[in-house]
C-alpha atoms as a PDB file:
ATOM      1  CA  MET A   1       0.038  -0.069   0.170  1.00  0.00           C
ATOM      2  CA  ARG A   2       1.317   3.478  -0.779  1.00  0.00           C
ATOM      3  CA  ALA A   3       0.250   6.598   0.891  1.00  0.00           C
ATOM      4  CA  ALA A   4       2.014  10.002   0.499  1.00  0.00           C
ATOM      5  CA  GLY A   5       5.361   8.384  -0.805  1.00  0.00           C
ATOM      6  CA  LEU A   6       5.620   5.676   2.201  1.00  0.00           C
ATOM      7  CA  THR A   7       5.424   2.446   1.084  1.00  0.00           C
ATOM      8  CA  LEU A   8       4.414  -0.150   3.757  1.00  0.00           C
ATOM      9  CA  VAL A   9       5.887  -3.567   3.167  1.00  0.00           C
ATOM     10  CA  VAL A  10       4.893  -6.778   5.171  1.00  0.00           C
ATOM     11  CA  GLY A  11       6.714  -9.961   5.386  1.00  0.00           C
ATOM     12  CA  PRO A  12       6.012 -13.494   4.071  1.00  0.00           C
ATOM     13  CA  ALA A  13       4.163 -14.291   7.074  1.00  0.00           C
ATOM     14  CA  SER A  14       1.489 -11.963   6.412  1.00  0.00           C
ATOM     15  CA  PHE A  15       1.257 -13.084   3.045  1.00  0.00           C
ATOM     16  CA  GLY A  16       0.403 -16.929   4.067  1.00  0.00           C
ATOM     17  CA  LEU A  17      -2.240 -15.410   6.172  1.00  0.00           C
ATOM     18  CA  LEU A  18      -4.249 -13.517   3.245  1.00  0.00           C
ATOM     19  CA  ALA A  19      -3.383 -16.736   1.251  1.00  0.00           C
ATOM     20  CA  GLN A  20      -5.284 -18.826   4.214  1.00  0.00           C
ATOM     21  CA  ASP A  21      -8.349 -16.338   4.066  1.00  0.00           C
ATOM     22  CA  TYR A  22      -8.862 -16.289   0.405  1.00  0.00           C
ATOM     23  CA  ILE A  23      -9.016 -20.509   0.436  1.00  0.00           C
ATOM     24  CA  ASP A  24     -11.413 -20.318   3.133  1.00  0.00           C
ATOM     25  CA  VAL A  25     -13.460 -17.669   1.225  1.00  0.00           C
ATOM     26  CA  GLU A  26     -13.695 -19.954  -1.527  1.00  0.00           C
ATOM     27  CA  ALA A  27     -14.568 -23.181   0.011  1.00  0.00           C
ATOM     28  CA  GLU A  28     -17.618 -21.052   1.624  1.00  0.00           C
ATOM     29  CA  ARG A  29     -18.559 -20.077  -1.813  1.00  0.00           C
ATOM     30  CA  GLU A  30     -18.390 -23.689  -2.895  1.00  0.00           C
ATOM     31  CA  ARG A  31     -20.693 -25.315  -0.266  1.00  0.00           C
ATOM     32  CA  ALA A  32     -22.997 -22.171  -0.637  1.00  0.00           C
ATOM     33  CA  ARG A  33     -23.628 -23.222  -4.422  1.00  0.00           C
ATOM     34  CA  GLN A  34     -24.216 -26.871  -3.559  1.00  0.00           C
ATOM     35  CA  SER A  35     -26.857 -25.797  -1.341  1.00  0.00           C
ATOM     36  CA  GLY A  36     -28.796 -23.715  -3.410  1.00  0.00           C
ATOM     37  CA  GLY A  37     -28.428 -20.532  -0.763  1.00  0.00           C
ATOM     38  CA  SER A  38     -26.993 -17.149  -1.179  1.00  0.00           C
ATOM     39  CA  VAL A  39     -23.085 -16.717  -0.727  1.00  0.00           C
ATOM     40  CA  GLU A  40     -22.654 -14.988   2.570  1.00  0.00           C
ATOM     41  CA  GLN A  41     -19.576 -12.669   2.639  1.00  0.00           C
ATOM     42  CA  PRO A  42     -17.392 -14.075   5.195  1.00  0.00           C
ATOM     43  CA  GLN A  43     -15.873 -11.193   7.506  1.00  0.00           C
ATOM     44  CA  VAL A  44     -12.180 -10.722   6.688  1.00  0.00           C
ATOM     45  CA  SER A  45     -10.164  -9.038   9.444  1.00  0.00           C
ATOM     46  CA  THR A  46      -8.270  -6.342   7.824  1.00  0.00           C
ATOM     47  CA  GLN A  47      -5.892  -5.924  10.718  1.00  0.00           C
ATOM     48  CA  ARG A  48      -3.255  -8.943  10.641  1.00  0.00           C
ATOM     49  CA  PRO A  49      -0.597  -9.090  13.258  1.00  0.00           C
ATOM     50  CA  LEU A  50       2.877  -8.527  12.067  1.00  0.00           C
ATOM     51  CA  ALA A  51       5.000 -11.561  12.384  1.00  0.00           C
ATOM     52  CA  PRO A  52       7.264 -11.388  15.260  1.00  0.00           C
ATOM     53  CA  SER A  53      10.277 -12.130  13.218  1.00  0.00           C
ATOM     54  CA  GLU A  54       9.169  -9.339  10.560  1.00  0.00           C
ATOM     55  CA  GLY A  55       8.840  -5.963  11.611  1.00  0.00           C
ATOM     56  CA  ALA A  56       7.642  -3.128   9.509  1.00  0.00           C
ATOM     57  CA  ARG A  57      10.616  -1.404   8.326  1.00  0.00           C
ATOM     58  CA  SER A  58      10.380   2.305   7.011  1.00  0.00           C
ATOM     59  CA  TYR A  59      11.895   3.438   3.626  1.00  0.00           C
ATOM     60  CA  GLY A  60      13.010   6.680   2.499  1.00  0.00           C
ATOM     61  CA  LEU A  61      10.926   8.643  -1.038  1.00  0.00           C
ATOM     62  CA  ASP A  62      14.236   6.587  -2.908  1.00  0.00           C
ATOM     63  CA  ARG A  63      13.181   3.502  -1.348  1.00  0.00           C
ATOM     64  CA  GLN A  64      16.188   3.152   0.421  1.00  0.00           C
ATOM     65  CA  PRO A  65      16.368   1.881   4.142  1.00  0.00           C
ATOM     66  CA  ALA A  66      16.612   4.626   6.594  1.00  0.00           C
ATOM     67  CA  GLU A  67      20.079   4.760   8.157  1.00  0.00           C
ATOM     68  CA  THR A  68      20.650   3.174  11.302  1.00  0.00           C
ATOM     69  CA  VAL A  69      22.246   5.171  13.947  1.00  0.00           C
ATOM     70  CA  TYR A  70      24.026   3.436  16.621  1.00  0.00           C
ATOM     71  CA  ARG A  71      23.419   5.127  20.049  1.00  0.00           C
ATOM     72  CA  PRO A  72      26.203   3.591  22.801  1.00  0.00           C
ATOM     73  CA  LEU A  73      24.443   2.149  25.665  1.00  0.00           C
ATOM     74  CA  ALA A  74      24.737   3.278  29.077  1.00  0.00           C
ATOM     75  CA  THR A  75      26.757   0.178  29.771  1.00  0.00           C
ATOM     76  CA  ASP A  76      29.653   1.117  27.551  1.00  0.00           C
ATOM     77  CA  ALA A  77      29.900   4.485  29.481  1.00  0.00           C
ATOM     78  CA  ASN A  78      29.819   2.309  32.933  1.00  0.00           C
ATOM     79  CA  GLN A  79      32.921   0.095  31.627  1.00  0.00           C
ATOM     80  CA  GLY A  80      34.620   3.029  30.443  1.00  0.00           C
ATOM     81  CA  SER A  81      34.186   4.692  33.774  1.00  0.00           C
ATOM     82  CA  GLN A  82      35.753   1.636  35.505  1.00  0.00           C
ATOM     83  CA  GLN A  83      38.496   1.203  33.423  1.00  0.00           C
ATOM     84  CA  ASN A  84      39.376   4.543  33.875  1.00  0.00           C
ATOM     85  CA  VAL A  85      39.219   3.898  37.795  1.00  0.00           C
ATOM     86  CA  GLY A  86      41.115   1.188  37.288  1.00  0.00           C
ATOM     87  CA  ASP A  87      43.999   2.464  35.863  1.00  0.00           C
ATOM     88  CA  LEU A  88      44.268   5.491  37.888  1.00  0.00           C
ATOM     89  CA  PHE A  89      44.013   2.683  41.020  1.00  0.00           C
ATOM     90  CA  VAL A  90      47.142   1.166  39.415  1.00  0.00           C
ATOM     91  CA  GLN A  91      48.967   4.379  39.143  1.00  0.00           C
ATOM     92  CA  VAL A  92      48.325   5.370  42.922  1.00  0.00           C
ATOM     93  CA  GLN A  93      49.896   2.253  44.221  1.00  0.00           C
ATOM     94  CA  GLU A  94      52.698   2.972  41.926  1.00  0.00           C
ATOM     95  CA  LEU A  95      53.150   6.162  43.527  1.00  0.00           C
ATOM     96  CA  GLN A  96      52.766   4.968  46.789  1.00  0.00           C
ATOM     97  CA  GLN A  97      55.402   2.413  46.064  1.00  0.00           C
ATOM     98  CA  GLU A  98      57.927   4.974  44.922  1.00  0.00           C
ATOM     99  CA  VAL A  99      57.258   7.251  48.244  1.00  0.00           C
ATOM    100  CA  MET A 100      57.659   4.267  49.779  1.00  0.00           C
ATOM    101  CA  ARG A 101      61.561   3.361  48.406  1.00  0.00           C
ATOM    102  CA  LEU A 102      62.118   7.138  48.699  1.00  0.00           C
ATOM    103  CA  ASN A 103      61.158   7.294  52.512  1.00  0.00           C
ATOM    104  CA  GLY A 104      63.923   4.278  52.610  1.00  0.00           C
ATOM    105  CA  VAL A 105      66.432   6.082  50.869  1.00  0.00           C
ATOM    106  CA  VAL A 106      66.278   9.104  53.334  1.00  0.00           C
ATOM    107  CA  GLU A 107      65.925   6.705  56.469  1.00  0.00           C
ATOM    108  CA  GLN A 108      69.088   4.830  55.360  1.00  0.00           C
ATOM    109  CA  GLN A 109      71.070   8.280  54.586  1.00  0.00           C
ATOM    110  CA  ALA A 110      69.998   9.864  57.679  1.00  0.00           C
ATOM    111  CA  ASN A 111      70.931   6.730  59.676  1.00  0.00           C
ATOM    112  CA  ASP A 112      74.574   7.088  57.985  1.00  0.00           C
ATOM    113  CA  ILE A 113      74.778  10.326  59.325  1.00  0.00           C
ATOM    114  CA  ARG A 114      74.182   9.232  62.694  1.00  0.00           C
ATOM    115  CA  VAL A 115      76.456   6.398  62.291  1.00  0.00           C
ATOM    116  CA  LEU A 116      79.212   8.865  61.182  1.00  0.00           C
ATOM    117  CA  LYS A 117      78.639  11.747  63.638  1.00  0.00           C
ATOM    118  CA  GLU A 118      78.355   9.212  66.633  1.00  0.00           C
ATOM    119  CA  GLN A 119      81.997   7.764  65.230  1.00  0.00           C
ATOM    120  CA  SER A 120      83.378  11.174  64.692  1.00  0.00           C
ATOM    121  CA  LEU A 121      82.442  11.976  68.408  1.00  0.00           C
ATOM    122  CA  GLU A 122      83.390   8.733  69.719  1.00  0.00           C
ATOM    123  CA  ARG A 123      86.678   9.205  68.176  1.00  0.00           C
ATOM    124  CA  TYR A 124      86.777  12.853  70.209  1.00  0.00           C
ATOM    125  CA  MET A 125      85.778  10.995  73.264  1.00  0.00           C
ATOM    126  CA  ASP A 126      88.601   8.520  73.318  1.00  0.00           C
ATOM    127  CA  LEU A 127      90.752  11.312  72.620  1.00  0.00           C
ATOM    128  CA  ASP A 128      89.471  13.137  75.262  1.00  0.00           C
ATOM    129  CA  ARG A 129      90.200  10.428  78.112  1.00  0.00           C
ATOM    130  CA  ARG A 130      93.711   9.734  76.818  1.00  0.00           C
ATOM    131  CA  LEU A 131      94.258  13.260  77.243  1.00  0.00           C
ATOM    132  CA  ALA A 132      92.225  14.339  80.095  1.00  0.00           C
ATOM    133  CA  GLY A 133      94.331  15.101  83.213  1.00  0.00           C
ATOM    134  CA  GLY A 134      97.926  15.266  81.640  1.00  0.00           C
ATOM    135  CA  SER A 135      96.759  18.098  79.020  1.00  0.00           C
ATOM    136  CA  ALA A 136      95.400  19.968  81.613  1.00  0.00           C
ATOM    137  CA  ARG A 137      97.787  19.743  84.526  1.00  0.00           C
ATOM    138  CA  VAL A 138      99.332  22.569  86.095  1.00  0.00           C
ATOM    139  CA  PRO A 139     102.937  22.109  86.350  1.00  0.00           C
ATOM    140  CA  ALA A 140     104.770  21.955  89.393  1.00  0.00           C
ATOM    141  CA  PRO A 141     106.386  24.823  90.357  1.00  0.00           C
ATOM    142  CA  VAL A 142     110.521  25.262  90.000  1.00  0.00           C
ATOM    143  CA  ARG A 143     112.775  26.362  92.466  1.00  0.00           C
ATOM    144  CA  ASP A 144     115.076  29.637  90.907  1.00  0.00           C
ATOM    145  CA  ALA A 145     118.529  28.648  92.031  1.00  0.00           C
ATOM    146  CA  GLY A 146     119.512  32.411  92.144  1.00  0.00           C
ATOM    147  CA  SER A 147     116.951  33.340  94.370  1.00  0.00           C
ATOM    148  CA  GLY A 148     115.632  30.179  96.284  1.00  0.00           C
ATOM    149  CA  GLN A 149     112.090  31.318  95.804  1.00  0.00           C
ATOM    150  CA  ALA A 150     109.738  28.785  93.350  1.00  0.00           C
ATOM    151  CA  ASN A 151     108.510  30.497  90.475  1.00  0.00           C
ATOM    152  CA  THR A 152     105.461  29.367  88.745  1.00  0.00           C
ATOM    153  CA  PRO A 153     105.971  28.463  85.015  1.00  0.00           C
ATOM    154  CA  PRO A 154     103.512  29.473  82.375  1.00  0.00           C
ATOM    155  CA  SER A 155     100.606  27.940  82.464  1.00  0.00           C
ATOM    156  CA  ASN A 156      98.199  26.771  79.530  1.00  0.00           C
ATOM    157  CA  GLY A 157      96.599  29.652  79.016  1.00  0.00           C
ATOM    158  CA  ARG A 158      94.331  31.279  82.054  1.00  0.00           C
ATOM    159  CA  VAL A 159      94.007  27.405  83.770  1.00  0.00           C
ATOM    160  CA  SER A 160      94.259  27.450  87.397  1.00  0.00           C
ATOM    161  CA  ALA A 161      94.249  24.646  89.777  1.00  0.00           C
ATOM    162  CA  GLU A 162      91.311  22.310  89.928  1.00  0.00           C
ATOM    163  CA  GLN A 163      88.658  24.366  92.325  1.00  0.00           C
ATOM    164  CA  PRO A 164      86.294  22.064  94.570  1.00  0.00           C
ATOM    165  CA  GLY A 165      83.306  20.409  92.941  1.00  0.00           C
ATOM    166  CA  GLU A 166      84.921  21.327  89.697  1.00  0.00           C
ATOM    167  CA  GLY A 167      85.895  17.873  88.859  1.00  0.00           C
ATOM    168  CA  ASP A 168      82.408  16.271  89.663  1.00  0.00           C
ATOM    169  CA  ALA A 169      80.510  18.993  87.423  1.00  0.00           C
ATOM    170  CA  TYR A 170      82.821  18.553  84.437  1.00  0.00           C
ATOM    171  CA  ARG A 171      82.334  14.786  84.728  1.00  0.00           C
ATOM    172  CA  ALA A 172      78.885  15.343  84.748  1.00  0.00           C
ATOM    173  CA  ALA A 173      78.634  17.167  81.963  1.00  0.00           C
ATOM    174  CA  TYR A 174      81.053  14.542  80.159  1.00  0.00           C
ATOM    175  CA  ALA A 175      78.871  11.922  80.976  1.00  0.00           C
ATOM    176  CA  LEU A 176      76.096  13.222  79.178  1.00  0.00           C
ATOM    177  CA  VAL A 177      77.833  13.562  76.097  1.00  0.00           C
ATOM    178  CA  ARG A 178      78.792  10.039  76.391  1.00  0.00           C
ATOM    179  CA  SER A 179      74.897   9.047  76.633  1.00  0.00           C
ATOM    180  CA  GLN A 180      74.451  11.298  73.983  1.00  0.00           C
ATOM    181  CA  GLU A 181      72.278  13.694  75.953  1.00  0.00           C
ATOM    182  CA  PHE A 182      73.680  16.780  73.284  1.00  0.00           C
ATOM    183  CA  ASP A 183      71.091  19.383  74.218  1.00  0.00           C
ATOM    184  CA  GLU A 184      71.420  18.620  78.299  1.00  0.00           C
ATOM    185  CA  ALA A 185      75.388  18.505  77.814  1.00  0.00           C
ATOM    186  CA  VAL A 186      75.427  22.295  75.733  1.00  0.00           C
ATOM    187  CA  THR A 187      73.676  23.298  78.958  1.00  0.00           C
ATOM    188  CA  SER A 188      75.959  21.441  81.449  1.00  0.00           C
ATOM    189  CA  PHE A 189      78.831  22.543  79.711  1.00  0.00           C
ATOM    190  CA  LYS A 190      77.732  26.260  79.550  1.00  0.00           C
ATOM    191  CA  GLN A 191      76.976  26.415  83.279  1.00  0.00           C
ATOM    192  CA  PHE A 192      80.349  24.861  84.239  1.00  0.00           C
ATOM    193  CA  LEU A 193      82.231  27.625  82.334  1.00  0.00           C
ATOM    194  CA  ASP A 194      80.285  30.062  84.111  1.00  0.00           C
ATOM    195  CA  ARG A 195      80.994  28.333  87.517  1.00  0.00           C
ATOM    196  CA  TYR A 196      84.938  27.783  86.726  1.00  0.00           C
ATOM    197  CA  PRO A 197      85.906  30.296  83.790  1.00  0.00           C
ATOM    198  CA  ASP A 198      89.272  29.878  84.564  1.00  0.00           C
ATOM    199  CA  GLY A 199      89.112  26.254  85.918  1.00  0.00           C
ATOM    200  CA  ARG A 200      91.488  23.487  85.278  1.00  0.00           C
ATOM    201  CA  TYR A 201      88.849  21.839  82.712  1.00  0.00           C
ATOM    202  CA  ALA A 202      88.060  24.880  80.869  1.00  0.00           C
ATOM    203  CA  PRO A 203      89.839  24.184  77.584  1.00  0.00           C
ATOM    204  CA  ASN A 204      88.475  21.163  77.690  1.00  0.00           C
ATOM    205  CA  ALA A 205      84.827  22.471  78.111  1.00  0.00           C
ATOM    206  CA  HIS A 206      85.347  25.041  75.369  1.00  0.00           C
ATOM    207  CA  TYR A 207      86.423  21.854  72.810  1.00  0.00           C
ATOM    208  CA  TRP A 208      83.300  19.782  74.106  1.00  0.00           C
ATOM    209  CA  LEU A 209      80.606  22.749  73.091  1.00  0.00           C
ATOM    210  CA  GLY A 210      82.377  23.106  69.733  1.00  0.00           C
ATOM    211  CA  GLU A 211      81.801  19.508  69.038  1.00  0.00           C
ATOM    212  CA  LEU A 212      78.238  19.622  70.650  1.00  0.00           C
ATOM    213  CA  TYR A 213      76.975  22.628  68.705  1.00  0.00           C
ATOM    214  CA  LEU A 214      78.049  20.820  65.450  1.00  0.00           C
ATOM    215  CA  VAL A 215      75.683  17.413  66.389  1.00  0.00           C
ATOM    216  CA  VAL A 216      73.074  18.914  68.226  1.00  0.00           C
ATOM    217  CA  LYS A 217      69.525  20.006  66.064  1.00  0.00           C
ATOM    218  CA  PRO A 218      69.585  22.433  64.357  1.00  0.00           C
ATOM    219  CA  ALA A 219      73.762  22.349  63.884  1.00  0.00           C
ATOM    220  CA  ALA A 220      74.862  25.557  65.031  1.00  0.00           C
ATOM    221  CA  PRO A 221      78.601  26.217  63.193  1.00  0.00           C
ATOM    222  CA  GLU A 222      79.306  29.301  63.703  1.00  0.00           C
ATOM    223  CA  LEU A 223      78.701  28.670  67.553  1.00  0.00           C
ATOM    224  CA  ALA A 224      81.095  25.989  67.243  1.00  0.00           C
ATOM    225  CA  ARG A 225      83.436  28.073  65.355  1.00  0.00           C
ATOM    226  CA  GLN A 226      83.923  30.575  68.020  1.00  0.00           C
ATOM    227  CA  SER A 227      84.385  27.922  70.879  1.00  0.00           C
ATOM    228  CA  PHE A 228      87.207  26.445  69.010  1.00  0.00           C
ATOM    229  CA  THR A 229      88.377  30.194  68.178  1.00  0.00           C
ATOM    230  CA  LEU A 230      88.415  30.820  71.728  1.00  0.00           C
ATOM    231  CA  LEU A 231      90.025  27.797  72.971  1.00  0.00           C
ATOM    232  CA  LEU A 232      93.162  28.817  70.318  1.00  0.00           C
ATOM    233  CA  ASP A 233      93.459  32.352  71.489  1.00  0.00           C
ATOM    234  CA  GLU A 234      92.897  31.563  75.329  1.00  0.00           C
ATOM    235  CA  TYR A 235      94.834  28.405  75.741  1.00  0.00           C
ATOM    236  CA  PRO A 236      97.298  28.258  73.160  1.00  0.00           C
ATOM    237  CA  GLN A 237      99.788  25.660  74.444  1.00  0.00           C
ATOM    238  CA  ASN A 238      96.452  23.095  75.640  1.00  0.00           C
ATOM    239  CA  ALA A 239      96.708  19.752  73.977  1.00  0.00           C
ATOM    240  CA  LYS A 240      93.228  20.327  72.685  1.00  0.00           C
ATOM    241  CA  VAL A 241      94.993  22.998  70.187  1.00  0.00           C
ATOM    242  CA  PRO A 242      95.366  20.460  67.194  1.00  0.00           C
ATOM    243  CA  ASP A 243      91.821  18.976  67.399  1.00  0.00           C
ATOM    244  CA  ALA A 244      90.472  22.546  67.724  1.00  0.00           C
ATOM    245  CA  MET A 245      92.106  23.267  64.473  1.00  0.00           C
ATOM    246  CA  TYR A 246      91.129  20.390  62.885  1.00  0.00           C
ATOM    247  CA  LYS A 247      87.428  21.261  63.356  1.00  0.00           C
ATOM    248  CA  LEU A 248      87.712  24.718  62.840  1.00  0.00           C
ATOM    249  CA  GLY A 249      88.830  23.043  58.920  1.00  0.00           C
ATOM    250  CA  GLN A 250      85.550  21.324  59.142  1.00  0.00           C
ATOM    251  CA  VAL A 251      83.630  24.006  60.259  1.00  0.00           C
ATOM    252  CA  HIS A 252      84.882  26.375  57.646  1.00  0.00           C
ATOM    253  CA  TYR A 253      84.203  23.631  55.045  1.00  0.00           C
ATOM    254  CA  VAL A 254      80.797  23.218  56.188  1.00  0.00           C
ATOM    255  CA  LYS A 255      79.800  27.320  56.029  1.00  0.00           C
ATOM    256  CA  GLY A 256      81.553  27.331  52.237  1.00  0.00           C
ATOM    257  CA  ASN A 257      84.699  28.818  53.192  1.00  0.00           C
ATOM    258  CA  ARG A 258      87.057  26.097  51.171  1.00  0.00           C
ATOM    259  CA  ASP A 259      90.194  28.513  51.195  1.00  0.00           C
ATOM    260  CA  LYS A 260      89.630  29.175  55.113  1.00  0.00           C
ATOM    261  CA  ALA A 261      89.249  25.418  55.453  1.00  0.00           C
ATOM    262  CA  ARG A 262      92.130  24.458  54.146  1.00  0.00           C
ATOM    263  CA  GLU A 263      94.375  26.971  55.982  1.00  0.00           C
ATOM    264  CA  TYR A 264      93.347  25.446  59.122  1.00  0.00           C
ATOM    265  CA  LEU A 265      93.888  21.834  57.945  1.00  0.00           C
ATOM    266  CA  ASP A 266      97.310  22.763  56.522  1.00  0.00           C
ATOM    267  CA  ARG A 267      97.863  24.624  59.945  1.00  0.00           C
ATOM    268  CA  VAL A 268      97.308  21.472  62.122  1.00  0.00           C
ATOM    269  CA  ILE A 269      99.433  19.378  59.714  1.00  0.00           C
ATOM    270  CA  ARG A 270     102.119  22.098  59.881  1.00  0.00           C
ATOM    271  CA  GLU A 271     102.391  22.724  63.527  1.00  0.00           C
ATOM    272  CA  HIS A 272     101.394  19.293  64.910  1.00  0.00           C
ATOM    273  CA  GLY A 273     102.231  16.827  62.217  1.00  0.00           C
ATOM    274  CA  ASP A 274     102.740  13.873  64.572  1.00  0.00           C
ATOM    275  CA  SER A 275      99.453  14.462  66.398  1.00  0.00           C
ATOM    276  CA  ALA A 276      95.874  12.135  65.522  1.00  0.00           C
ATOM    277  CA  ALA A 277      94.203  15.437  64.337  1.00  0.00           C
ATOM    278  CA  ALA A 278      97.041  15.978  61.763  1.00  0.00           C
ATOM    279  CA  ASN A 279      96.035  12.572  60.309  1.00  0.00           C
ATOM    280  CA  LEU A 280      92.676  13.569  60.404  1.00  0.00           C
ATOM    281  CA  ALA A 281      93.282  17.003  58.550  1.00  0.00           C
ATOM    282  CA  ARG A 282      95.006  14.601  55.686  1.00  0.00           C
ATOM    283  CA  GLU A 283      92.334  12.420  55.138  1.00  0.00           C
ATOM    284  CA  PHE A 284      90.250  14.994  55.080  1.00  0.00           C
ATOM    285  CA  ILE A 285      91.940  16.911  52.381  1.00  0.00           C
ATOM    286  CA  ASP A 286      92.631  13.748  50.511  1.00  0.00           C
ATOM    287  CA  GLN A 287      88.649  13.011  50.274  1.00  0.00           C
ATOM    288  CA  ASN A 288      87.623  16.796  49.988  1.00  0.00           C
ATOM    289  CA  LEU A 289      89.753  19.281  49.107  1.00  0.00           C
END
């Protein structure tokens, strides 16, 4: 059937139904003729359901099937979103693993630095144990043969005889160094110097303050420089002088003054070539300068 340029096409199943109707009509007419009665026109339904397997198809004016437009189902979008979420999850896991790896590297480096500081501190603690006492002893008076009077030989700077309680105070501060209670040790040595500024252990206290300023957090290299410099200026004959020179070389290196660092390191090698500090200075120069 054609209407306004639109053609409705029915499938083979519909044609089968129409043919069956035609056969039924003809059979009815034949029975009527044989009986002599009038032929009653059977009611033929003009509406037939389309076959389930053959639906109506729309054609355009040029009798070509209309273009089929593909519309993605919602499930396709969901699948794409799930894929994106999965990719992001994998990336997050990879980033977390990288952060964990970097944290491990930082922790290892921090541990290495801590071990090096402890080794350096232990080295000088051992040196202090070996030099303690003899390095700061007040020499015995020497009698002048001519006058018969006792003369006091030149002392190591301003060092005087040990005062009551001085030794205990120094050992208490030094014990804090050995137990690695560095902040408390700084406070204890400063209090010691306030009470015994010219005491027998004053040079050692200045030296240990310099060492401690390099290991506290945050480090204070400028305060360390001041402590070591004061030791050199006030107690030039003290046994701690070579160590203070070496540490001054390190401090200036940390502060970025390589020329000044080399000056102090060369000086300790030149003036105290047989000391342990001179050997350390040679190693430092070979590795860093």
